[in-house]
């Protein structure tokens, strides 16, 4: 979910920056948009790939840690603690 949000937020931020730099010409002239788009597109694709790779490595580390936890967990239930109100039974068999 963070990847999708980061992807869309970064696209909107880049569009806002490009409009801020190039002004109204960015919105009116399609030839100008194509010229600027061709210059910016490789860098945007590289950024999006790096963003994807960053989140992919975090997901792989998270899944690996879950696997380690599952391997260490032997799925045996813990022994219940002794109740305090019951007295300990002593072995008096040596008196017989």
C-alpha atoms as a PDB file:
ATOM      1  CA  UNK A   1       0.000   0.000   0.000  1.00  0.00           C
ATOM      2  CA  UNK A   2       2.870   2.359   0.782  1.00  0.00           C
ATOM      3  CA  UNK A   3       4.324   1.727  -2.670  1.00  0.00           C
ATOM      4  CA  UNK A   4       1.106   2.720  -4.419  1.00  0.00           C
ATOM      5  CA  UNK A   5       0.747   5.846  -2.284  1.00  0.00           C
ATOM      6  CA  UNK A   6       4.398   6.787  -2.827  1.00  0.00           C
ATOM      7  CA  UNK A   7       4.077   6.191  -6.561  1.00  0.00           C
ATOM      8  CA  UNK A   8       1.023   8.426  -6.993  1.00  0.00           C
ATOM      9  CA  UNK A   9       2.322  11.092  -4.603  1.00  0.00           C
ATOM     10  CA  UNK A  10       5.632  11.283  -6.441  1.00  0.00           C
ATOM     11  CA  UNK A  11       3.878  11.602  -9.792  1.00  0.00           C
ATOM     12  CA  UNK A  12       1.714  14.447  -8.522  1.00  0.00           C
ATOM     13  CA  UNK A  13       4.762  16.126  -6.957  1.00  0.00           C
ATOM     14  CA  UNK A  14       6.702  15.913 -10.239  1.00  0.00           C
ATOM     15  CA  UNK A  15       3.789  17.347 -12.187  1.00  0.00           C
ATOM     16  CA  UNK A  16       3.481  20.201  -9.687  1.00  0.00           C
ATOM     17  CA  UNK A  17       7.227  20.908  -9.901  1.00  0.00           C
ATOM     18  CA  UNK A  18       7.163  20.876 -13.711  1.00  0.00           C
ATOM     19  CA  UNK A  19       4.198  23.250 -13.779  1.00  0.00           C
ATOM     20  CA  UNK A  20       5.999  25.488 -11.283  1.00  0.00           C
ATOM     21  CA  UNK A  21       9.161  25.531 -13.414  1.00  0.00           C
ATOM     22  CA  UNK A  22       7.646  25.854 -16.880  1.00  0.00           C
ATOM     23  CA  UNK A  23       4.499  27.788 -15.988  1.00  0.00           C
ATOM     24  CA  UNK A  24       1.401  28.066 -18.125  1.00  0.00           C
ATOM     25  CA  UNK A  25       3.171  26.941 -21.282  1.00  0.00           C
ATOM     26  CA  UNK A  26       3.182  23.469 -19.787  1.00  0.00           C
ATOM     27  CA  UNK A  27      -0.610  23.425 -19.729  1.00  0.00           C
ATOM     28  CA  UNK A  28      -1.355  25.034 -23.122  1.00  0.00           C
ATOM     29  CA  UNK A  29       1.143  23.789 -25.701  1.00  0.00           C
ATOM     30  CA  UNK A  30       1.100  20.037 -26.423  1.00  0.00           C
ATOM     31  CA  UNK A  31       4.349  20.177 -28.413  1.00  0.00           C
ATOM     32  CA  UNK A  32       6.076  21.755 -25.418  1.00  0.00           C
ATOM     33  CA  UNK A  33       4.657  19.048 -23.134  1.00  0.00           C
ATOM     34  CA  UNK A  34       6.040  16.358 -25.432  1.00  0.00           C
ATOM     35  CA  UNK A  35       9.463  18.009 -25.550  1.00  0.00           C
ATOM     36  CA  UNK A  36       9.690  18.322 -21.761  1.00  0.00           C
ATOM     37  CA  UNK A  37       8.217  14.845 -21.269  1.00  0.00           C
ATOM     38  CA  UNK A  38      10.864  13.236 -23.440  1.00  0.00           C
ATOM     39  CA  UNK A  39      13.596  14.949 -21.427  1.00  0.00           C
ATOM     40  CA  UNK A  40      12.117  14.007 -18.017  1.00  0.00           C
ATOM     41  CA  UNK A  41      10.771  10.510 -18.755  1.00  0.00           C
ATOM     42  CA  UNK A  42      14.029   8.494 -18.342  1.00  0.00           C
ATOM     43  CA  UNK A  43      14.665  10.057 -14.945  1.00  0.00           C
ATOM     44  CA  UNK A  44      11.088   9.425 -13.832  1.00  0.00           C
ATOM     45  CA  UNK A  45      11.300   5.795 -14.916  1.00  0.00           C
ATOM     46  CA  UNK A  46      14.591   5.387 -13.045  1.00  0.00           C
ATOM     47  CA  UNK A  47      13.056   6.942  -9.938  1.00  0.00           C
ATOM     48  CA  UNK A  48      10.004   4.683 -10.118  1.00  0.00           C
ATOM     49  CA  UNK A  49      12.230   1.616 -10.545  1.00  0.00           C
ATOM     50  CA  UNK A  50      14.310   2.614  -7.522  1.00  0.00           C
ATOM     51  CA  UNK A  51      11.132   3.163  -5.488  1.00  0.00           C
ATOM     52  CA  UNK A  52       9.839  -0.274  -6.505  1.00  0.00           C
ATOM     53  CA  UNK A  53      13.188  -1.916  -5.717  1.00  0.00           C
ATOM     54  CA  UNK A  54      13.347  -0.215  -2.305  1.00  0.00           C
ATOM     55  CA  UNK A  55       9.906  -1.439  -1.283  1.00  0.00           C
ATOM     56  CA  UNK A  56      10.538  -4.893  -2.762  1.00  0.00           C
ATOM     57  CA  UNK A  57      13.672  -5.351  -0.644  1.00  0.00           C
ATOM     58  CA  UNK A  58      11.770  -4.287   2.472  1.00  0.00           C
ATOM     59  CA  UNK A  59       9.002  -6.782   1.723  1.00  0.00           C
ATOM     60  CA  UNK A  60      11.524  -9.592   1.120  1.00  0.00           C
ATOM     61  CA  UNK A  61      13.264  -8.829   4.435  1.00  0.00           C
ATOM     62  CA  UNK A  62       9.907  -8.806   6.232  1.00  0.00           C
ATOM     63  CA  UNK A  63       8.863 -12.154   4.732  1.00  0.00           C
ATOM     64  CA  UNK A  64      12.276 -13.645   5.540  1.00  0.00           C
ATOM     65  CA  UNK A  65      11.947 -12.541   9.170  1.00  0.00           C
ATOM     66  CA  UNK A  66       8.489 -14.107   9.345  1.00  0.00           C
ATOM     67  CA  UNK A  67       9.939 -17.385   8.047  1.00  0.00           C
ATOM     68  CA  UNK A  68      12.672 -17.287  10.694  1.00  0.00           C
ATOM     69  CA  UNK A  69      10.093 -16.688  13.408  1.00  0.00           C
ATOM     70  CA  UNK A  70       7.994 -19.595  12.128  1.00  0.00           C
ATOM     71  CA  UNK A  71      11.018 -21.915  12.115  1.00  0.00           C
ATOM     72  CA  UNK A  72      11.957 -20.946  15.667  1.00  0.00           C
ATOM     73  CA  UNK A  73       8.426 -21.416  16.917  1.00  0.00           C
ATOM     74  CA  UNK A  74       7.968 -25.095  17.713  1.00  0.00           C
ATOM     75  CA  UNK A  75       4.176 -24.717  18.148  1.00  0.00           C
ATOM     76  CA  UNK A  76       4.128 -26.438  21.523  1.00  0.00           C
ATOM     77  CA  UNK A  77       1.848 -24.823  24.038  1.00  0.00           C
ATOM     78  CA  UNK A  78       3.562 -23.486  27.124  1.00  0.00           C
ATOM     79  CA  UNK A  79       3.133 -25.407  30.353  1.00  0.00           C
ATOM     80  CA  UNK A  80       0.571 -23.791  32.593  1.00  0.00           C
ATOM     81  CA  UNK A  81       1.961 -22.280  35.775  1.00  0.00           C
ATOM     82  CA  UNK A  82       1.175 -23.960  39.077  1.00  0.00           C
ATOM     83  CA  UNK A  83      -1.738 -22.491  40.930  1.00  0.00           C
ATOM     84  CA  UNK A  84      -0.786 -20.657  44.093  1.00  0.00           C
ATOM     85  CA  UNK A  85      -3.792 -21.707  46.131  1.00  0.00           C
ATOM     86  CA  UNK A  86      -3.024 -25.433  45.794  1.00  0.00           C
ATOM     87  CA  UNK A  87      -0.401 -26.802  48.111  1.00  0.00           C
ATOM     88  CA  UNK A  88       2.418 -28.847  46.724  1.00  0.00           C
ATOM     89  CA  UNK A  89       1.896 -32.593  47.168  1.00  0.00           C
ATOM     90  CA  UNK A  90       4.775 -34.124  49.065  1.00  0.00           C
ATOM     91  CA  UNK A  91       5.925 -37.663  48.520  1.00  0.00           C
ATOM     92  CA  UNK A  92       5.714 -39.617  51.777  1.00  0.00           C
ATOM     93  CA  UNK A  93       6.362 -43.037  50.225  1.00  0.00           C
ATOM     94  CA  UNK A  94       9.567 -43.518  52.199  1.00  0.00           C
ATOM     95  CA  UNK A  95       7.482 -43.934  55.391  1.00  0.00           C
ATOM     96  CA  UNK A  96       5.924 -47.200  54.163  1.00  0.00           C
END
